[in-house]
Amino acid sequence: MSKTGEKPGKGVYVCIKCGEKVRLDDNSDRLPPCPKCHGTEYKP
């Protein structure tokens, strides 16, 4: 489980609250709040 503000690495992360997908293209990118529901927890 990854949370907003963490740097989990490149990949696609799925909001556990609504299922919205967020793609990080760089290992230094931080996870944003979910753009759809503002959730803060993601699964890979």
PDB file of N, CA and C in Angstrom:
ATOM      1  N   MET A   1       0.851  -1.182   0.000  1.00  0.00           N
ATOM      2  CA  MET A   1       0.000   0.000   0.000  1.00  0.00           C
ATOM      3  C   MET A   1       0.892   1.239   0.000  1.00  0.00           C
ATOM      4  N   SER A   2       0.572   2.186  -0.856  1.00  0.00           N
ATOM      5  CA  SER A   2       1.310   3.441  -0.934  1.00  0.00           C
ATOM      6  C   SER A   2       0.367   4.583  -0.607  1.00  0.00           C
ATOM      7  N   LYS A   3       0.925   5.655  -0.061  1.00  0.00           N
ATOM      8  CA  LYS A   3       0.103   6.802   0.322  1.00  0.00           C
ATOM      9  C   LYS A   3       0.561   8.063  -0.390  1.00  0.00           C
ATOM     10  N   THR A   4      -0.340   9.040  -0.471  1.00  0.00           N
ATOM     11  CA  THR A   4      -0.038  10.345  -1.051  1.00  0.00           C
ATOM     12  C   THR A   4       1.232  10.901  -0.420  1.00  0.00           C
ATOM     13  N   GLY A   5       2.117  11.444  -1.270  1.00  0.00           N
ATOM     14  CA  GLY A   5       3.352  12.044  -0.802  1.00  0.00           C
ATOM     15  C   GLY A   5       4.542  11.108  -0.844  1.00  0.00           C
ATOM     16  N   GLU A   6       4.307   9.801  -0.965  1.00  0.00           N
ATOM     17  CA  GLU A   6       5.401   8.838  -1.038  1.00  0.00           C
ATOM     18  C   GLU A   6       5.954   8.766  -2.456  1.00  0.00           C
ATOM     19  N   LYS A   7       7.167   8.227  -2.581  1.00  0.00           N
ATOM     20  CA  LYS A   7       7.808   8.011  -3.881  1.00  0.00           C
ATOM     21  C   LYS A   7       7.962   6.506  -4.096  1.00  0.00           C
ATOM     22  N   PRO A   8       6.882   5.830  -4.515  1.00  0.00           N
ATOM     23  CA  PRO A   8       6.934   4.371  -4.650  1.00  0.00           C
ATOM     24  C   PRO A   8       7.628   3.870  -5.912  1.00  0.00           C
ATOM     25  N   GLY A   9       7.992   4.768  -6.826  1.00  0.00           N
ATOM     26  CA  GLY A   9       8.652   4.352  -8.065  1.00  0.00           C
ATOM     27  C   GLY A   9       7.707   4.379  -9.250  1.00  0.00           C
ATOM     28  N   LYS A  10       8.280   4.123 -10.429  1.00  0.00           N
ATOM     29  CA  LYS A  10       7.500   4.134 -11.666  1.00  0.00           C
ATOM     30  C   LYS A  10       6.408   3.072 -11.614  1.00  0.00           C
ATOM     31  N   GLY A  11       5.300   3.361 -12.272  1.00  0.00           N
ATOM     32  CA  GLY A  11       4.241   2.370 -12.383  1.00  0.00           C
ATOM     33  C   GLY A  11       2.869   2.996 -12.317  1.00  0.00           C
ATOM     34  N   VAL A  12       1.864   2.143 -12.319  1.00  0.00           N
ATOM     35  CA  VAL A  12       0.474   2.565 -12.237  1.00  0.00           C
ATOM     36  C   VAL A  12      -0.039   2.170 -10.858  1.00  0.00           C
ATOM     37  N   TYR A  13      -0.663   3.126 -10.196  1.00  0.00           N
ATOM     38  CA  TYR A  13      -1.197   2.907  -8.856  1.00  0.00           C
ATOM     39  C   TYR A  13      -2.695   3.139  -8.889  1.00  0.00           C
ATOM     40  N   VAL A  14      -3.442   2.279  -8.176  1.00  0.00           N
ATOM     41  CA  VAL A  14      -4.900   2.314  -8.204  1.00  0.00           C
ATOM     42  C   VAL A  14      -5.422   2.780  -6.855  1.00  0.00           C
ATOM     43  N   CYS A  15      -6.242   3.821  -6.864  1.00  0.00           N
ATOM     44  CA  CYS A  15      -6.845   4.333  -5.636  1.00  0.00           C
ATOM     45  C   CYS A  15      -7.717   3.239  -5.023  1.00  0.00           C
ATOM     46  N   ILE A  16      -7.501   2.956  -3.731  1.00  0.00           N
ATOM     47  CA  ILE A  16      -8.303   1.889  -3.118  1.00  0.00           C
ATOM     48  C   ILE A  16      -9.734   2.346  -2.824  1.00  0.00           C
ATOM     49  N   LYS A  17      -9.975   3.653  -2.853  1.00  0.00           N
ATOM     50  CA  LYS A  17     -11.308   4.179  -2.551  1.00  0.00           C
ATOM     51  C   LYS A  17     -12.230   4.137  -3.763  1.00  0.00           C
ATOM     52  N   CYS A  18     -11.692   4.566  -4.958  1.00  0.00           N
ATOM     53  CA  CYS A  18     -12.577   4.667  -6.126  1.00  0.00           C
ATOM     54  C   CYS A  18     -12.089   3.903  -7.350  1.00  0.00           C
ATOM     55  N   GLY A  19     -10.823   3.429  -7.327  1.00  0.00           N
ATOM     56  CA  GLY A  19     -10.318   2.670  -8.465  1.00  0.00           C
ATOM     57  C   GLY A  19      -9.649   3.495  -9.551  1.00  0.00           C
ATOM     58  N   GLU A  20      -9.567   4.807  -9.367  1.00  0.00           N
ATOM     59  CA  GLU A  20      -8.897   5.676 -10.342  1.00  0.00           C
ATOM     60  C   GLU A  20      -7.421   5.297 -10.434  1.00  0.00           C
ATOM     61  N   LYS A  21      -6.879   5.308 -11.649  1.00  0.00           N
ATOM     62  CA  LYS A  21      -5.475   4.947 -11.856  1.00  0.00           C
ATOM     63  C   LYS A  21      -4.617   6.201 -12.003  1.00  0.00           C
ATOM     64  N   VAL A  22      -3.451   6.171 -11.352  1.00  0.00           N
ATOM     65  CA  VAL A  22      -2.478   7.264 -11.443  1.00  0.00           C
ATOM     66  C   VAL A  22      -1.171   6.654 -11.913  1.00  0.00           C
ATOM     67  N   ARG A  23      -0.566   7.242 -12.956  1.00  0.00           N
ATOM     68  CA  ARG A  23       0.695   6.731 -13.495  1.00  0.00           C
ATOM     69  C   ARG A  23       1.833   7.640 -13.056  1.00  0.00           C
ATOM     70  N   LEU A  24       2.883   7.027 -12.504  1.00  0.00           N
ATOM     71  CA  LEU A  24       4.108   7.752 -12.189  1.00  0.00           C
ATOM     72  C   LEU A  24       5.156   7.342 -13.217  1.00  0.00           C
ATOM     73  N   ASP A  25       5.749   8.322 -13.892  1.00  0.00           N
ATOM     74  CA  ASP A  25       6.694   8.056 -14.973  1.00  0.00           C
ATOM     75  C   ASP A  25       8.151   8.136 -14.533  1.00  0.00           C
ATOM     76  N   ASP A  26       8.390   8.561 -13.298  1.00  0.00           N
ATOM     77  CA  ASP A  26       9.759   8.736 -12.830  1.00  0.00           C
ATOM     78  C   ASP A  26       9.866   8.266 -11.379  1.00  0.00           C
ATOM     79  N   ASN A  27      11.011   7.700 -11.015  1.00  0.00           N
ATOM     80  CA  ASN A  27      11.190   7.200  -9.653  1.00  0.00           C
ATOM     81  C   ASN A  27      11.163   8.309  -8.606  1.00  0.00           C
ATOM     82  N   SER A  28      11.350   9.567  -9.030  1.00  0.00           N
ATOM     83  CA  SER A  28      11.341  10.665  -8.065  1.00  0.00           C
ATOM     84  C   SER A  28       9.962  11.318  -7.938  1.00  0.00           C
ATOM     85  N   ASP A  29       8.976  10.850  -8.719  1.00  0.00           N
ATOM     86  CA  ASP A  29       7.617  11.409  -8.628  1.00  0.00           C
ATOM     87  C   ASP A  29       6.956  10.982  -7.325  1.00  0.00           C
ATOM     88  N   ARG A  30       6.205  11.923  -6.744  1.00  0.00           N
ATOM     89  CA  ARG A  30       5.437  11.616  -5.529  1.00  0.00           C
ATOM     90  C   ARG A  30       3.982  11.324  -5.926  1.00  0.00           C
ATOM     91  N   LEU A  31       3.342  10.446  -5.185  1.00  0.00           N
ATOM     92  CA  LEU A  31       1.924  10.166  -5.442  1.00  0.00           C
ATOM     93  C   LEU A  31       1.091  11.381  -5.040  1.00  0.00           C
ATOM     94  N   PRO A  32       0.219  11.841  -5.936  1.00  0.00           N
ATOM     95  CA  PRO A  32      -0.678  12.956  -5.599  1.00  0.00           C
ATOM     96  C   PRO A  32      -1.932  12.417  -4.912  1.00  0.00           C
ATOM     97  N   PRO A  33      -2.741  13.302  -4.319  1.00  0.00           N
ATOM     98  CA  PRO A  33      -4.075  12.840  -3.898  1.00  0.00           C
ATOM     99  C   PRO A  33      -4.824  12.372  -5.145  1.00  0.00           C
ATOM    100  N   CYS A  34      -5.708  11.437  -4.998  1.00  0.00           N
ATOM    101  CA  CYS A  34      -6.469  10.931  -6.140  1.00  0.00           C
ATOM    102  C   CYS A  34      -7.175  12.086  -6.849  1.00  0.00           C
ATOM    103  N   PRO A  35      -6.998  12.200  -8.185  1.00  0.00           N
ATOM    104  CA  PRO A  35      -7.639  13.299  -8.920  1.00  0.00           C
ATOM    105  C   PRO A  35      -9.162  13.186  -8.970  1.00  0.00           C
ATOM    106  N   LYS A  36      -9.694  12.002  -8.702  1.00  0.00           N
ATOM    107  CA  LYS A  36     -11.145  11.797  -8.796  1.00  0.00           C
ATOM    108  C   LYS A  36     -11.845  11.966  -7.447  1.00  0.00           C
ATOM    109  N   CYS A  37     -11.313  11.305  -6.394  1.00  0.00           N
ATOM    110  CA  CYS A  37     -12.028  11.326  -5.107  1.00  0.00           C
ATOM    111  C   CYS A  37     -11.196  11.925  -3.964  1.00  0.00           C
ATOM    112  N   HIS A  38      -9.954  12.321  -4.270  1.00  0.00           N
ATOM    113  CA  HIS A  38      -9.036  12.898  -3.283  1.00  0.00           C
ATOM    114  C   HIS A  38      -8.605  11.891  -2.219  1.00  0.00           C
ATOM    115  N   GLY A  39      -8.731  10.599  -2.534  1.00  0.00           N
ATOM    116  CA  GLY A  39      -8.240   9.558  -1.632  1.00  0.00           C
ATOM    117  C   GLY A  39      -6.723   9.629  -1.517  1.00  0.00           C
ATOM    118  N   THR A  40      -6.175   8.984  -0.477  1.00  0.00           N
ATOM    119  CA  THR A  40      -4.741   9.097  -0.226  1.00  0.00           C
ATOM    120  C   THR A  40      -4.024   7.746  -0.181  1.00  0.00           C
ATOM    121  N   GLU A  41      -4.720   6.643  -0.442  1.00  0.00           N
ATOM    122  CA  GLU A  41      -4.080   5.326  -0.404  1.00  0.00           C
ATOM    123  C   GLU A  41      -4.251   4.616  -1.740  1.00  0.00           C
ATOM    124  N   TYR A  42      -3.148   3.995  -2.166  1.00  0.00           N
ATOM    125  CA  TYR A  42      -3.124   3.305  -3.460  1.00  0.00           C
ATOM    126  C   TYR A  42      -2.560   1.906  -3.313  1.00  0.00           C
ATOM    127  N   LYS A  43      -2.979   1.026  -4.219  1.00  0.00           N
ATOM    128  CA  LYS A  43      -2.345  -0.286  -4.345  1.00  0.00           C
ATOM    129  C   LYS A  43      -1.642  -0.319  -5.692  1.00  0.00           C
ATOM    130  N   PRO A  44      -0.552  -1.089  -5.789  1.00  0.00           N
ATOM    131  CA  PRO A  44       0.183  -1.156  -7.069  1.00  0.00           C
ATOM    132  C   PRO A  44      -0.623  -1.837  -8.159  1.00  0.00           C
TER     133      PRO A  44
END
